[in-house]
Amino acid sequence: MKNDKKMMGKVLILLLLLFLLLFSSLFLLYKRGTYGGQKKACIYQNGVLLREIDFSSVKEPYSFRLVSSDGGYNEITVSAGGIAVTDADCPDRLCVLFSKNNTGRLPIICLPHKLAIVYKEESASDMDAVTY
C-alpha cells in the first residue's frame, strides 16, 4: 500500500513537470512568433520619416547610404529578414554594433546622425495596453 502511494506521487510529479514543460514551450513559441513577425521598418532622421521598408517585398538584399545634415553617413542594408546599419562614420559606431544582433524588438538608433530605425508590426488595430 505504501509503495502504491509513493509511486502515485512520483507519477503526479512527473505529469506536472511535463505539463509545465509543454506550457512553457508553447508560450515561448507564441512569443517568438509575436516578435518575429515585423513586416515594416520606418527610417527617421531628425524626426522626419525618410523611408518605410516592407520586408515582404524585399527579394534580394540591398544597401543604401543616408547622409545627415552634418555630412556624416550611415550605410543601411536591407534584406528579407531585417535591416541593419552596416557602416557609419559616427565616433562611437554603436548603431553598427547594436544592429548586428538586433532581434527586431528594439529600434536602431544613431544619436550623432539623429537616425532612428523603428520596426513596425502590421496589425488590424493600433490599440495596445498603453492607448487603451
C-alpha atoms as a PDB file:
ATOM      1  CA  MET A   1       0.000   0.000   0.000  1.00  0.00           C
ATOM      2  CA  LYS A   2       2.847   2.373   0.885  1.00  0.00           C
ATOM      3  CA  ASN A   3       4.636   1.633  -2.383  1.00  0.00           C
ATOM      4  CA  ASP A   4       1.482   2.416  -4.371  1.00  0.00           C
ATOM      5  CA  LYS A   5       1.190   5.857  -2.754  1.00  0.00           C
ATOM      6  CA  LYS A   6       4.868   6.614  -3.395  1.00  0.00           C
ATOM      7  CA  MET A   7       4.525   5.506  -6.997  1.00  0.00           C
ATOM      8  CA  MET A   8       1.363   7.582  -7.467  1.00  0.00           C
ATOM      9  CA  GLY A   9       3.141  10.642  -6.013  1.00  0.00           C
ATOM     10  CA  LYS A  10       6.071  10.210  -8.394  1.00  0.00           C
ATOM     11  CA  VAL A  11       3.722   9.852 -11.369  1.00  0.00           C
ATOM     12  CA  LEU A  12       1.838  13.030 -10.387  1.00  0.00           C
ATOM     13  CA  ILE A  13       5.075  14.991 -10.038  1.00  0.00           C
ATOM     14  CA  LEU A  14       6.269  13.719 -13.410  1.00  0.00           C
ATOM     15  CA  LEU A  15       2.964  14.654 -15.067  1.00  0.00           C
ATOM     16  CA  LEU A  16       3.083  18.114 -13.501  1.00  0.00           C
ATOM     17  CA  LEU A  17       6.626  18.667 -14.773  1.00  0.00           C
ATOM     18  CA  LEU A  18       5.670  17.518 -18.272  1.00  0.00           C
ATOM     19  CA  PHE A  19       2.662  19.844 -18.247  1.00  0.00           C
ATOM     20  CA  LEU A  20       4.835  22.798 -17.184  1.00  0.00           C
ATOM     21  CA  LEU A  21       7.396  21.989 -19.861  1.00  0.00           C
ATOM     22  CA  LEU A  22       4.718  21.795 -22.539  1.00  0.00           C
ATOM     23  CA  PHE A  23       3.059  25.019 -21.388  1.00  0.00           C
ATOM     24  CA  SER A  24       6.337  26.958 -21.281  1.00  0.00           C
ATOM     25  CA  SER A  25       7.328  25.666 -24.737  1.00  0.00           C
ATOM     26  CA  LEU A  26       4.031  26.776 -26.228  1.00  0.00           C
ATOM     27  CA  PHE A  27       4.349  30.159 -24.536  1.00  0.00           C
ATOM     28  CA  LEU A  28       7.855  30.682 -25.938  1.00  0.00           C
ATOM     29  CA  LEU A  29       6.737  29.696 -29.431  1.00  0.00           C
ATOM     30  CA  TYR A  30       3.851  32.148 -29.201  1.00  0.00           C
ATOM     31  CA  LYS A  31       6.130  34.968 -28.034  1.00  0.00           C
ATOM     32  CA  ARG A  32       8.695  34.214 -30.718  1.00  0.00           C
ATOM     33  CA  GLY A  33       6.004  34.394 -33.367  1.00  0.00           C
ATOM     34  CA  THR A  34       4.708  37.667 -31.960  1.00  0.00           C
ATOM     35  CA  TYR A  35       8.035  39.469 -32.035  1.00  0.00           C
ATOM     36  CA  GLY A  36       9.478  37.795 -35.096  1.00  0.00           C
ATOM     37  CA  GLY A  37       6.753  38.964 -37.449  1.00  0.00           C
ATOM     38  CA  GLN A  38       7.758  42.562 -38.105  1.00  0.00           C
ATOM     39  CA  LYS A  39       6.635  43.481 -41.565  1.00  0.00           C
ATOM     40  CA  LYS A  40       7.980  47.020 -41.912  1.00  0.00           C
ATOM     41  CA  ALA A  41      10.765  49.289 -40.773  1.00  0.00           C
ATOM     42  CA  CYS A  42      10.434  53.065 -40.633  1.00  0.00           C
ATOM     43  CA  ILE A  43      13.605  55.130 -41.032  1.00  0.00           C
ATOM     44  CA  TYR A  44      13.567  58.549 -39.382  1.00  0.00           C
ATOM     45  CA  GLN A  45      16.194  61.271 -39.463  1.00  0.00           C
ATOM     46  CA  ASN A  46      15.737  64.457 -37.433  1.00  0.00           C
ATOM     47  CA  GLY A  47      12.245  63.191 -36.606  1.00  0.00           C
ATOM     48  CA  VAL A  48      11.209  63.084 -40.281  1.00  0.00           C
ATOM     49  CA  LEU A  49      10.148  59.811 -41.905  1.00  0.00           C
ATOM     50  CA  LEU A  50      12.533  59.170 -44.797  1.00  0.00           C
ATOM     51  CA  ARG A  51      11.604  55.644 -45.849  1.00  0.00           C
ATOM     52  CA  GLU A  52       9.233  52.870 -44.944  1.00  0.00           C
ATOM     53  CA  ILE A  53      10.515  49.439 -45.933  1.00  0.00           C
ATOM     54  CA  ASP A  54       8.172  46.483 -46.305  1.00  0.00           C
ATOM     55  CA  PHE A  55      10.192  43.300 -45.690  1.00  0.00           C
ATOM     56  CA  SER A  56       7.732  41.100 -47.580  1.00  0.00           C
ATOM     57  CA  SER A  57       8.533  42.965 -50.819  1.00  0.00           C
ATOM     58  CA  VAL A  58      12.325  42.572 -50.482  1.00  0.00           C
ATOM     59  CA  LYS A  59      13.507  39.889 -52.907  1.00  0.00           C
ATOM     60  CA  GLU A  60      17.272  40.479 -52.763  1.00  0.00           C
ATOM     61  CA  PRO A  61      19.358  42.282 -50.131  1.00  0.00           C
ATOM     62  CA  TYR A  62      20.319  45.847 -51.000  1.00  0.00           C
ATOM     63  CA  SER A  63      22.173  48.732 -49.380  1.00  0.00           C
ATOM     64  CA  PHE A  64      21.842  52.486 -49.449  1.00  0.00           C
ATOM     65  CA  ARG A  65      23.533  55.422 -47.757  1.00  0.00           C
ATOM     66  CA  LEU A  66      21.848  58.135 -45.731  1.00  0.00           C
ATOM     67  CA  VAL A  67      23.769  61.384 -45.361  1.00  0.00           C
ATOM     68  CA  SER A  68      22.979  63.564 -42.358  1.00  0.00           C
ATOM     69  CA  SER A  69      22.891  67.355 -42.298  1.00  0.00           C
ATOM     70  CA  ASP A  70      26.374  67.488 -40.736  1.00  0.00           C
ATOM     71  CA  GLY A  71      27.848  65.437 -43.592  1.00  0.00           C
ATOM     72  CA  GLY A  72      28.029  62.140 -41.711  1.00  0.00           C
ATOM     73  CA  TYR A  73      26.652  58.944 -43.202  1.00  0.00           C
ATOM     74  CA  ASN A  74      25.011  55.656 -42.278  1.00  0.00           C
ATOM     75  CA  GLU A  75      25.175  52.672 -44.631  1.00  0.00           C
ATOM     76  CA  ILE A  76      21.963  50.662 -44.291  1.00  0.00           C
ATOM     77  CA  THR A  77      21.484  47.097 -45.562  1.00  0.00           C
ATOM     78  CA  VAL A  78      18.003  45.680 -46.069  1.00  0.00           C
ATOM     79  CA  SER A  79      17.165  42.001 -46.514  1.00  0.00           C
ATOM     80  CA  ALA A  80      14.000  39.937 -46.266  1.00  0.00           C
ATOM     81  CA  GLY A  81      14.968  39.049 -42.696  1.00  0.00           C
ATOM     82  CA  GLY A  82      15.536  42.561 -41.402  1.00  0.00           C
ATOM     83  CA  ILE A  83      17.519  45.757 -41.544  1.00  0.00           C
ATOM     84  CA  ALA A  84      20.942  46.740 -40.195  1.00  0.00           C
ATOM     85  CA  VAL A  85      23.332  49.678 -40.133  1.00  0.00           C
ATOM     86  CA  THR A  86      26.450  48.107 -41.650  1.00  0.00           C
ATOM     87  CA  ASP A  87      28.732  51.154 -41.689  1.00  0.00           C
ATOM     88  CA  ALA A  88      28.762  54.646 -40.219  1.00  0.00           C
ATOM     89  CA  ASP A  89      31.271  57.420 -39.644  1.00  0.00           C
ATOM     90  CA  CYS A  90      29.957  58.401 -36.216  1.00  0.00           C
ATOM     91  CA  PRO A  91      32.549  58.378 -33.417  1.00  0.00           C
ATOM     92  CA  ASP A  92      31.089  55.560 -31.314  1.00  0.00           C
ATOM     93  CA  ARG A  93      29.612  53.334 -34.086  1.00  0.00           C
ATOM     94  CA  LEU A  94      27.102  51.927 -31.589  1.00  0.00           C
ATOM     95  CA  CYS A  95      24.449  51.830 -34.312  1.00  0.00           C
ATOM     96  CA  VAL A  96      26.595  49.347 -36.263  1.00  0.00           C
ATOM     97  CA  LEU A  97      27.352  47.268 -33.177  1.00  0.00           C
ATOM     98  CA  PHE A  98      23.764  47.023 -31.938  1.00  0.00           C
ATOM     99  CA  SER A  99      22.181  46.366 -35.322  1.00  0.00           C
ATOM    100  CA  LYS A 100      24.245  43.178 -35.810  1.00  0.00           C
ATOM    101  CA  ASN A 101      22.425  41.354 -33.015  1.00  0.00           C
ATOM    102  CA  ASN A 102      19.101  43.131 -33.290  1.00  0.00           C
ATOM    103  CA  THR A 103      16.104  40.846 -32.935  1.00  0.00           C
ATOM    104  CA  GLY A 104      13.602  43.419 -34.134  1.00  0.00           C
ATOM    105  CA  ARG A 105      12.324  44.281 -30.691  1.00  0.00           C
ATOM    106  CA  LEU A 106      14.357  47.431 -30.152  1.00  0.00           C
ATOM    107  CA  PRO A 107      14.907  50.341 -32.527  1.00  0.00           C
ATOM    108  CA  ILE A 108      18.310  51.017 -34.050  1.00  0.00           C
ATOM    109  CA  ILE A 109      19.487  54.482 -33.016  1.00  0.00           C
ATOM    110  CA  CYS A 110      22.411  56.642 -34.151  1.00  0.00           C
ATOM    111  CA  LEU A 111      22.473  59.714 -31.916  1.00  0.00           C
ATOM    112  CA  PRO A 112      25.270  61.658 -33.678  1.00  0.00           C
ATOM    113  CA  HIS A 113      23.398  61.487 -37.011  1.00  0.00           C
ATOM    114  CA  LYS A 114      19.918  61.717 -35.438  1.00  0.00           C
ATOM    115  CA  LEU A 115      18.854  58.468 -37.130  1.00  0.00           C
ATOM    116  CA  ALA A 116      16.222  56.045 -35.839  1.00  0.00           C
ATOM    117  CA  ILE A 117      15.097  52.790 -37.443  1.00  0.00           C
ATOM    118  CA  VAL A 118      11.888  51.590 -35.837  1.00  0.00           C
ATOM    119  CA  TYR A 119      10.209  48.253 -36.506  1.00  0.00           C
ATOM    120  CA  LYS A 120       6.502  48.407 -37.181  1.00  0.00           C
ATOM    121  CA  GLU A 121       4.219  45.411 -36.957  1.00  0.00           C
ATOM    122  CA  GLU A 122       1.170  45.298 -39.170  1.00  0.00           C
ATOM    123  CA  SER A 123      -1.957  44.625 -37.193  1.00  0.00           C
ATOM    124  CA  ALA A 124      -5.673  45.107 -37.545  1.00  0.00           C
ATOM    125  CA  SER A 125      -5.691  47.625 -34.716  1.00  0.00           C
ATOM    126  CA  ASP A 126      -3.130  50.103 -33.455  1.00  0.00           C
ATOM    127  CA  MET A 127      -4.514  49.902 -29.923  1.00  0.00           C
ATOM    128  CA  ASP A 128      -2.415  48.409 -27.179  1.00  0.00           C
ATOM    129  CA  ALA A 129      -2.355  48.454 -23.403  1.00  0.00           C
ATOM    130  CA  VAL A 130      -0.940  51.976 -23.351  1.00  0.00           C
ATOM    131  CA  THR A 131      -3.546  53.531 -25.642  1.00  0.00           C
ATOM    132  CA  TYR A 132      -6.358  51.614 -24.036  1.00  0.00           C
END
